[in-house]
Amino acid sequence: MSELANFRKHKDHFFKTDAQSPLTPEQQKTFRGLVYFPENPALRFELPLEKYAQPEHILMQTSTGAAQDYIRAGQIHFRVNGQDATLQVYASEHANDYFIPFVDATAPAESYGAGRYLEPEDLGNGKLRVDLNLAYNPYCAYNERWSCPIPPKENRLSVRIEAGEKKFHD
């Protein structure tokens, strides 16, 4: 079993059994597992983070109409299916972790229409490990009790990202 397959298996177990699952107890009773695009090693990258000299504070709207404060830290560039793509990378004021919310051309037919998330790994030396196979749905994709940041327009891609989680339901 690949590392990604093992990760997905553990995530399904968490969703099905854990009290902290984003699913309601009623959803957990019938949950059969998340649906994913097939693993694609070509969609794993080590990319330079082009940090902004003057990181900008932005308010990201959420699915419930609230707003969350983020710092636009920089951007990454990569190629998917022969097409160039650029995504903005954000950081929280309260943590040093990076966050990439995005929408791609698989939405809304195959992936969650409001977008998916990535949490790239900071490798140091100005590089990020970005594994699109780990793209996941925000908790608000499972039910409306969650408030989730909506990817800004600058992170809406015209390219298909056929990796990570597919949509949970219609």
C-alpha atoms as a PDB file:
ATOM      1  CA  MET A   1       0.000   0.000   0.000  1.00  0.00           C
ATOM      2  CA  SER A   2       1.421   3.403  -0.955  1.00  0.00           C
ATOM      3  CA  GLU A   3       1.910   6.124   1.619  1.00  0.00           C
ATOM      4  CA  LEU A   4      -0.954   8.070   0.016  1.00  0.00           C
ATOM      5  CA  ALA A   5      -3.288   5.034   0.034  1.00  0.00           C
ATOM      6  CA  ASN A   6      -2.486   4.485   3.716  1.00  0.00           C
ATOM      7  CA  PHE A   7      -3.153   8.172   4.461  1.00  0.00           C
ATOM      8  CA  ARG A   8      -6.525   7.949   2.697  1.00  0.00           C
ATOM      9  CA  LYS A   9      -7.455   4.776   4.591  1.00  0.00           C
ATOM     10  CA  HIS A  10      -6.734   6.467   7.938  1.00  0.00           C
ATOM     11  CA  LYS A  11      -8.673   9.569   6.899  1.00  0.00           C
ATOM     12  CA  ASP A  12     -11.718   7.440   6.014  1.00  0.00           C
ATOM     13  CA  HIS A  13     -11.490   5.733   9.417  1.00  0.00           C
ATOM     14  CA  PHE A  14     -11.353   9.131  11.142  1.00  0.00           C
ATOM     15  CA  PHE A  15     -14.371  10.395   9.192  1.00  0.00           C
ATOM     16  CA  LYS A  16     -16.366   7.216   9.945  1.00  0.00           C
ATOM     17  CA  THR A  17     -15.563   6.789  13.636  1.00  0.00           C
ATOM     18  CA  ASP A  18     -14.146   9.884  15.324  1.00  0.00           C
ATOM     19  CA  ALA A  19     -16.243  12.302  17.377  1.00  0.00           C
ATOM     20  CA  GLN A  20     -14.198  15.153  15.812  1.00  0.00           C
ATOM     21  CA  SER A  21     -15.138  14.056  12.277  1.00  0.00           C
ATOM     22  CA  PRO A  22     -16.627  16.771  10.073  1.00  0.00           C
ATOM     23  CA  LEU A  23     -19.530  14.398   9.388  1.00  0.00           C
ATOM     24  CA  THR A  24     -22.669  14.444  11.446  1.00  0.00           C
ATOM     25  CA  PRO A  25     -23.447  11.265  13.421  1.00  0.00           C
ATOM     26  CA  GLU A  26     -26.159  10.484  10.854  1.00  0.00           C
ATOM     27  CA  GLN A  27     -23.644  10.828   7.996  1.00  0.00           C
ATOM     28  CA  GLN A  28     -21.132   8.642   9.829  1.00  0.00           C
ATOM     29  CA  LYS A  29     -23.644   5.770   9.969  1.00  0.00           C
ATOM     30  CA  THR A  30     -23.769   5.490   6.165  1.00  0.00           C
ATOM     31  CA  PHE A  31     -20.269   6.744   5.293  1.00  0.00           C
ATOM     32  CA  ARG A  32     -18.437   4.400   2.903  1.00  0.00           C
ATOM     33  CA  GLY A  33     -15.297   6.447   2.272  1.00  0.00           C
ATOM     34  CA  LEU A  34     -14.210   9.524   0.368  1.00  0.00           C
ATOM     35  CA  VAL A  35     -13.783   9.452  -3.398  1.00  0.00           C
ATOM     36  CA  TYR A  36     -10.445  10.449  -4.906  1.00  0.00           C
ATOM     37  CA  PHE A  37      -8.769  11.013  -8.213  1.00  0.00           C
ATOM     38  CA  PRO A  38      -6.147   8.288  -8.825  1.00  0.00           C
ATOM     39  CA  GLU A  39      -2.726   8.948  -7.343  1.00  0.00           C
ATOM     40  CA  ASN A  40      -0.568  10.893  -9.805  1.00  0.00           C
ATOM     41  CA  PRO A  41       3.153  11.192  -8.955  1.00  0.00           C
ATOM     42  CA  ALA A  42       3.541  13.856 -11.694  1.00  0.00           C
ATOM     43  CA  LEU A  43       1.502  16.205  -9.505  1.00  0.00           C
ATOM     44  CA  ARG A  44       4.058  16.284  -6.675  1.00  0.00           C
ATOM     45  CA  PHE A  45       6.359  19.273  -6.809  1.00  0.00           C
ATOM     46  CA  GLU A  46       9.185  20.942  -4.938  1.00  0.00           C
ATOM     47  CA  LEU A  47       8.701  24.576  -5.859  1.00  0.00           C
ATOM     48  CA  PRO A  48      10.349  27.860  -4.981  1.00  0.00           C
ATOM     49  CA  LEU A  49       8.080  30.123  -2.974  1.00  0.00           C
ATOM     50  CA  GLU A  50       8.330  33.570  -4.491  1.00  0.00           C
ATOM     51  CA  LYS A  51       7.845  35.530  -1.285  1.00  0.00           C
ATOM     52  CA  TYR A  52       6.460  39.030  -1.499  1.00  0.00           C
ATOM     53  CA  ALA A  53       8.693  41.807  -0.202  1.00  0.00           C
ATOM     54  CA  GLN A  54       5.622  43.364   1.413  1.00  0.00           C
ATOM     55  CA  PRO A  55       3.251  40.540   2.423  1.00  0.00           C
ATOM     56  CA  GLU A  56      -0.307  41.827   2.315  1.00  0.00           C
ATOM     57  CA  HIS A  57      -3.072  41.178   4.849  1.00  0.00           C
ATOM     58  CA  ILE A  58      -6.280  40.055   3.176  1.00  0.00           C
ATOM     59  CA  LEU A  59      -9.709  39.119   4.432  1.00  0.00           C
ATOM     60  CA  MET A  60     -10.893  35.845   2.942  1.00  0.00           C
ATOM     61  CA  GLN A  61     -14.657  35.417   2.864  1.00  0.00           C
ATOM     62  CA  THR A  62     -16.057  32.224   4.368  1.00  0.00           C
ATOM     63  CA  SER A  63     -18.951  29.971   3.457  1.00  0.00           C
ATOM     64  CA  THR A  64     -21.026  31.463   6.294  1.00  0.00           C
ATOM     65  CA  GLY A  65     -20.449  35.100   5.299  1.00  0.00           C
ATOM     66  CA  ALA A  66     -17.789  35.819   7.910  1.00  0.00           C
ATOM     67  CA  ALA A  67     -14.202  36.729   7.006  1.00  0.00           C
ATOM     68  CA  GLN A  68     -10.842  35.364   8.116  1.00  0.00           C
ATOM     69  CA  ASP A  69      -7.577  37.284   8.097  1.00  0.00           C
ATOM     70  CA  TYR A  70      -4.647  35.850   6.149  1.00  0.00           C
ATOM     71  CA  ILE A  71      -1.307  37.067   4.895  1.00  0.00           C
ATOM     72  CA  ARG A  72      -0.594  36.723   1.168  1.00  0.00           C
ATOM     73  CA  ALA A  73       2.946  35.390   1.603  1.00  0.00           C
ATOM     74  CA  GLY A  74       3.963  34.652  -1.974  1.00  0.00           C
ATOM     75  CA  GLN A  75       3.206  32.594  -5.026  1.00  0.00           C
ATOM     76  CA  ILE A  76       4.182  29.333  -6.719  1.00  0.00           C
ATOM     77  CA  HIS A  77       4.320  28.400 -10.405  1.00  0.00           C
ATOM     78  CA  PHE A  78       4.006  24.916 -11.899  1.00  0.00           C
ATOM     79  CA  ARG A  79       2.832  23.101 -15.029  1.00  0.00           C
ATOM     80  CA  VAL A  80      -0.109  20.696 -15.275  1.00  0.00           C
ATOM     81  CA  ASN A  81      -0.924  18.908 -18.521  1.00  0.00           C
ATOM     82  CA  GLY A  82       1.285  21.318 -20.437  1.00  0.00           C
ATOM     83  CA  GLN A  83      -0.396  24.398 -18.953  1.00  0.00           C
ATOM     84  CA  ASP A  84       1.199  26.962 -16.676  1.00  0.00           C
ATOM     85  CA  ALA A  85      -0.473  27.547 -13.331  1.00  0.00           C
ATOM     86  CA  THR A  86       0.132  30.075 -10.566  1.00  0.00           C
ATOM     87  CA  LEU A  87      -1.290  29.934  -7.061  1.00  0.00           C
ATOM     88  CA  GLN A  88      -1.069  32.439  -4.252  1.00  0.00           C
ATOM     89  CA  VAL A  89       0.227  31.072  -0.964  1.00  0.00           C
ATOM     90  CA  TYR A  90      -1.241  32.355   2.286  1.00  0.00           C
ATOM     91  CA  ALA A  91      -0.202  32.198   5.908  1.00  0.00           C
ATOM     92  CA  SER A  92      -2.218  32.651   9.065  1.00  0.00           C
ATOM     93  CA  GLU A  93      -1.245  35.384  11.475  1.00  0.00           C
ATOM     94  CA  HIS A  94      -1.320  32.794  14.255  1.00  0.00           C
ATOM     95  CA  ALA A  95       0.874  30.110  12.683  1.00  0.00           C
ATOM     96  CA  ASN A  96       3.798  29.740  10.329  1.00  0.00           C
ATOM     97  CA  ASP A  97       1.999  27.140   8.213  1.00  0.00           C
ATOM     98  CA  TYR A  98       1.171  27.847   4.597  1.00  0.00           C
ATOM     99  CA  PHE A  99      -2.290  27.464   3.098  1.00  0.00           C
ATOM    100  CA  ILE A 100      -3.379  27.258  -0.548  1.00  0.00           C
ATOM    101  CA  PRO A 101      -7.123  27.395  -1.215  1.00  0.00           C
ATOM    102  CA  PHE A 102      -7.945  26.913  -4.903  1.00  0.00           C
ATOM    103  CA  VAL A 103     -10.617  26.101  -7.463  1.00  0.00           C
ATOM    104  CA  ASP A 104      -9.726  24.317 -10.688  1.00  0.00           C
ATOM    105  CA  ALA A 105     -11.502  23.243 -13.866  1.00  0.00           C
ATOM    106  CA  THR A 106     -12.715  19.955 -12.315  1.00  0.00           C
ATOM    107  CA  ALA A 107     -15.190  22.010 -10.214  1.00  0.00           C
ATOM    108  CA  PRO A 108     -18.106  21.668  -9.849  1.00  0.00           C
ATOM    109  CA  ALA A 109     -18.624  18.502 -11.931  1.00  0.00           C
ATOM    110  CA  GLU A 110     -15.953  16.343 -10.284  1.00  0.00           C
ATOM    111  CA  SER A 111     -14.554  18.285  -7.335  1.00  0.00           C
ATOM    112  CA  TYR A 112     -16.204  20.477  -4.721  1.00  0.00           C
ATOM    113  CA  GLY A 113     -17.517  23.594  -6.452  1.00  0.00           C
ATOM    114  CA  ALA A 114     -16.356  26.020  -3.773  1.00  0.00           C
ATOM    115  CA  GLY A 115     -12.790  24.743  -3.995  1.00  0.00           C
ATOM    116  CA  ARG A 116     -10.246  22.573  -2.283  1.00  0.00           C
ATOM    117  CA  TYR A 117      -7.305  23.181   0.028  1.00  0.00           C
ATOM    118  CA  LEU A 118      -3.629  22.325   0.197  1.00  0.00           C
ATOM    119  CA  GLU A 119      -1.176  22.668   3.058  1.00  0.00           C
ATOM    120  CA  PRO A 120       2.266  22.653   1.451  1.00  0.00           C
ATOM    121  CA  GLU A 121       5.274  21.525   3.427  1.00  0.00           C
ATOM    122  CA  ASP A 122       7.950  24.156   4.023  1.00  0.00           C
ATOM    123  CA  LEU A 123      11.227  22.479   3.043  1.00  0.00           C
ATOM    124  CA  GLY A 124      13.349  25.475   4.051  1.00  0.00           C
ATOM    125  CA  ASN A 125      15.645  27.371   1.699  1.00  0.00           C
ATOM    126  CA  GLY A 126      12.604  29.036   0.131  1.00  0.00           C
ATOM    127  CA  LYS A 127      11.099  25.786  -1.211  1.00  0.00           C
ATOM    128  CA  LEU A 128       7.709  24.169  -0.692  1.00  0.00           C
ATOM    129  CA  ARG A 129       6.632  20.587  -1.258  1.00  0.00           C
ATOM    130  CA  VAL A 130       3.277  20.841  -3.012  1.00  0.00           C
ATOM    131  CA  ASP A 131       1.519  17.505  -3.487  1.00  0.00           C
ATOM    132  CA  LEU A 132      -1.719  18.032  -5.376  1.00  0.00           C
ATOM    133  CA  ASN A 133      -2.664  14.428  -4.520  1.00  0.00           C
ATOM    134  CA  LEU A 134      -3.299  15.780  -1.013  1.00  0.00           C
ATOM    135  CA  ALA A 135      -5.837  18.396  -2.156  1.00  0.00           C
ATOM    136  CA  TYR A 136      -8.784  18.060   0.165  1.00  0.00           C
ATOM    137  CA  ASN A 137     -12.295  19.370   0.608  1.00  0.00           C
ATOM    138  CA  PRO A 138     -12.965  21.919   3.326  1.00  0.00           C
ATOM    139  CA  TYR A 139     -15.228  20.698   6.108  1.00  0.00           C
ATOM    140  CA  CYS A 140     -18.112  22.799   4.777  1.00  0.00           C
ATOM    141  CA  ALA A 141     -18.240  20.381   1.792  1.00  0.00           C
ATOM    142  CA  TYR A 142     -19.654  17.740   4.158  1.00  0.00           C
ATOM    143  CA  ASN A 143     -22.350  19.784   5.877  1.00  0.00           C
ATOM    144  CA  GLU A 144     -23.337  23.377   6.550  1.00  0.00           C
ATOM    145  CA  ARG A 145     -22.334  23.537  10.213  1.00  0.00           C
ATOM    146  CA  TRP A 146     -18.775  24.476   9.205  1.00  0.00           C
ATOM    147  CA  SER A 147     -17.417  27.861   8.134  1.00  0.00           C
ATOM    148  CA  CYS A 148     -14.670  27.608   5.512  1.00  0.00           C
ATOM    149  CA  PRO A 149     -12.569  30.192   3.655  1.00  0.00           C
ATOM    150  CA  ILE A 150     -13.589  30.542   0.009  1.00  0.00           C
ATOM    151  CA  PRO A 151     -10.646  30.581  -2.418  1.00  0.00           C
ATOM    152  CA  PRO A 152     -10.072  34.105  -3.746  1.00  0.00           C
ATOM    153  CA  LYS A 153     -10.438  34.804  -7.478  1.00  0.00           C
ATOM    154  CA  GLU A 154      -6.656  34.906  -7.840  1.00  0.00           C
ATOM    155  CA  ASN A 155      -6.579  31.168  -7.014  1.00  0.00           C
ATOM    156  CA  ARG A 156      -9.119  30.070  -9.610  1.00  0.00           C
ATOM    157  CA  LEU A 157      -7.341  27.969 -12.208  1.00  0.00           C
ATOM    158  CA  SER A 158      -8.472  27.211 -15.754  1.00  0.00           C
ATOM    159  CA  VAL A 159      -6.448  23.969 -15.728  1.00  0.00           C
ATOM    160  CA  ARG A 160      -7.816  20.653 -14.450  1.00  0.00           C
ATOM    161  CA  ILE A 161      -6.178  19.375 -11.257  1.00  0.00           C
ATOM    162  CA  GLU A 162      -7.049  15.684 -11.447  1.00  0.00           C
ATOM    163  CA  ALA A 163      -5.644  14.840  -8.035  1.00  0.00           C
ATOM    164  CA  GLY A 164      -6.863  14.726  -4.466  1.00  0.00           C
ATOM    165  CA  GLU A 165     -10.411  14.484  -3.199  1.00  0.00           C
ATOM    166  CA  LYS A 166     -13.420  14.543  -5.456  1.00  0.00           C
ATOM    167  CA  LYS A 167     -16.709  16.065  -4.353  1.00  0.00           C
ATOM    168  CA  PHE A 168     -18.502  14.445  -1.449  1.00  0.00           C
ATOM    169  CA  HIS A 169     -22.069  14.692  -2.769  1.00  0.00           C
ATOM    170  CA  ASP A 170     -24.212  16.705  -5.161  1.00  0.00           C
END
